[in-house]
C-alpha atoms as a PDB file:
ATOM      1  CA  MET A   1    -167.935-161.769  86.528  1.00  0.00           C
ATOM      2  CA  ALA A   2    -168.008-160.737  90.416  1.00  0.00           C
ATOM      3  CA  ARG A   3    -169.881-158.213  91.846  1.00  0.00           C
ATOM      4  CA  TYR A   4    -168.148-157.830  94.815  1.00  0.00           C
ATOM      5  CA  SER A   5    -164.030-157.537  95.092  1.00  0.00           C
ATOM      6  CA  ARG A   6    -162.565-160.273  97.601  1.00  0.00           C
ATOM      7  CA  SER A   7    -161.052-157.228  99.390  1.00  0.00           C
ATOM      8  CA  ALA A   8    -164.547-155.934  99.812  1.00  0.00           C
ATOM      9  CA  GLY A   9    -165.705-159.148 101.523  1.00  0.00           C
ATOM     10  CA  LYS A  10    -162.954-158.915 103.858  1.00  0.00           C
ATOM     11  CA  ASP A  11    -164.149-155.341 104.903  1.00  0.00           C
ATOM     12  CA  VAL A  12    -167.363-157.270 105.466  1.00  0.00           C
ATOM     13  CA  LYS A  13    -166.001-159.715 107.391  1.00  0.00           C
ATOM     14  CA  ARG A  14    -164.005-157.082 109.562  1.00  0.00           C
ATOM     15  CA  ALA A  15    -167.275-155.320 110.523  1.00  0.00           C
ATOM     16  CA  MET A  16    -168.922-158.398 111.326  1.00  0.00           C
ATOM     17  CA  HIS A  17    -166.227-159.276 114.029  1.00  0.00           C
ATOM     18  CA  ARG A  18    -166.504-155.913 115.379  1.00  0.00           C
ATOM     19  CA  ARG A  19    -170.040-156.485 115.723  1.00  0.00           C
ATOM     20  CA  LYS A  20    -169.381-159.680 117.480  1.00  0.00           C
ATOM     21  CA  LYS A  21    -167.292-158.106 119.915  1.00  0.00           C
ATOM     22  CA  GLY A  22    -169.314-155.358 120.212  1.00  0.00           C
ATOM     23  CA  SER A  23    -167.094-152.212 119.187  1.00  0.00           C
ATOM     24  CA  LEU A  24    -169.097-151.508 115.651  1.00  0.00           C
ATOM     25  CA  LYS A  25    -170.997-148.501 116.275  1.00  0.00           C
ATOM     26  CA  ARG A  26    -173.797-146.783 114.054  1.00  0.00           C
ATOM     27  CA  GLY A  27    -173.915-143.001 113.294  1.00  0.00           C
ATOM     28  CA  LYS A  28    -171.482-140.316 112.435  1.00  0.00           C
ATOM     29  CA  GLY A  29    -168.135-141.028 114.306  1.00  0.00           C
ATOM     30  CA  GLY A  30    -169.277-143.899 115.661  1.00  0.00           C
ATOM     31  CA  LYS A  31    -171.184-141.626 118.112  1.00  0.00           C
ATOM     32  CA  GLY A  32    -174.710-143.944 118.373  1.00  0.00           C
ATOM     33  CA  GLY A  33    -174.971-147.307 119.747  1.00  0.00           C
ATOM     34  CA  THR A  34    -173.591-150.418 119.317  1.00  0.00           C
ATOM     35  CA  VAL A  35    -174.895-152.345 116.260  1.00  0.00           C
ATOM     36  CA  LYS A  36    -177.222-155.378 116.894  1.00  0.00           C
ATOM     37  CA  SER A  37    -178.331-156.083 113.546  1.00  0.00           C
ATOM     38  CA  ARG A  38    -176.524-158.447 111.334  1.00  0.00           C
ATOM     39  CA  LYS A  39    -177.607-156.614 108.279  1.00  0.00           C
ATOM     40  CA  GLN A  40    -176.517-153.170 109.336  1.00  0.00           C
ATOM     41  CA  ALA A  41    -172.926-154.820 110.387  1.00  0.00           C
ATOM     42  CA  ILE A  42    -173.020-155.857 106.529  1.00  0.00           C
ATOM     43  CA  ALA A  43    -174.045-152.271 104.989  1.00  0.00           C
ATOM     44  CA  ILE A  44    -171.456-150.807 106.969  1.00  0.00           C
ATOM     45  CA  GLY A  45    -168.855-153.142 106.031  1.00  0.00           C
ATOM     46  CA  LEU A  46    -169.919-152.562 102.327  1.00  0.00           C
ATOM     47  CA  SER A  47    -169.742-148.499 102.617  1.00  0.00           C
ATOM     48  CA  GLU A  48    -166.474-148.931 104.434  1.00  0.00           C
ATOM     49  CA  ALA A  49    -165.395-150.537 101.025  1.00  0.00           C
ATOM     50  CA  ARG A  50    -167.035-148.184  99.206  1.00  0.00           C
ATOM     51  CA  LYS A  51    -165.091-145.455 100.577  1.00  0.00           C
ATOM     52  CA  LYS A  52    -161.718-147.132 100.195  1.00  0.00           C
ATOM     53  CA  GLY A  53    -162.654-147.440  96.718  1.00  0.00           C
ATOM     54  CA  LYS A  54    -163.023-151.225  96.381  1.00  0.00           C
ATOM     55  CA  LYS A  55    -165.271-153.040  93.394  1.00  0.00           C
ATOM     56  CA  VAL A  56    -168.816-152.683  95.169  1.00  0.00           C
ATOM     57  CA  PRO A  57    -171.791-152.213  93.608  1.00  0.00           C
ATOM     58  CA  LYS A  58    -173.212-148.699  93.773  1.00  0.00           C
ATOM     59  CA  ARG A  59    -175.719-148.089  96.978  1.00  0.00           C
ATOM     60  CA  LYS A  60    -179.709-147.944  95.773  1.00  0.00           C
ATOM     61  CA  SER A  61    -180.638-144.231  95.923  1.00  0.00           C
ATOM     62  CA  ALA A  62    -183.816-143.064  97.528  1.00  0.00           C
ATOM     63  CA  LYS A  63    -185.360-142.063  94.004  1.00  0.00           C
ATOM     64  CA  ARG A  64    -185.110-145.697  92.844  1.00  0.00           C
ATOM     65  CA  LYS A  65    -186.781-147.001  95.892  1.00  0.00           C
ATOM     66  CA  SER A  66    -189.758-144.780  95.710  1.00  0.00           C
ATOM     67  CA  ALA A  67    -190.009-145.226  92.154  1.00  0.00           C
ATOM     68  CA  LYS A  68    -190.439-149.054  92.753  1.00  0.00           C
ATOM     69  CA  ARG A  69    -193.122-148.361  95.930  1.00  0.00           C
ATOM     70  CA  LYS A  70    -195.174-146.399  93.287  1.00  0.00           C
ATOM     71  CA  SER A  71    -195.004-148.835  90.600  1.00  0.00           C
ATOM     72  CA  ARG A  72    -196.491-151.585  93.135  1.00  0.00           C
ATOM     73  CA  ARG A  73    -199.745-149.651  93.787  1.00  0.00           C
END
């Protein structure tokens, strides 16, 4: 079973193209600076796909991340 839908992959691809062109912005309403990081461009593409209701796994919550850190210690 596929984790991501094909159309979600297209959204990520579109975000990567916008990053390369220099038109991908970070922050609310795109008011921040341009995105330089490849990872950040992928994250933006996935969040856009989620907003459209495409098949993308849920984002890891901060609660789960902090629980992992505590268990490592």
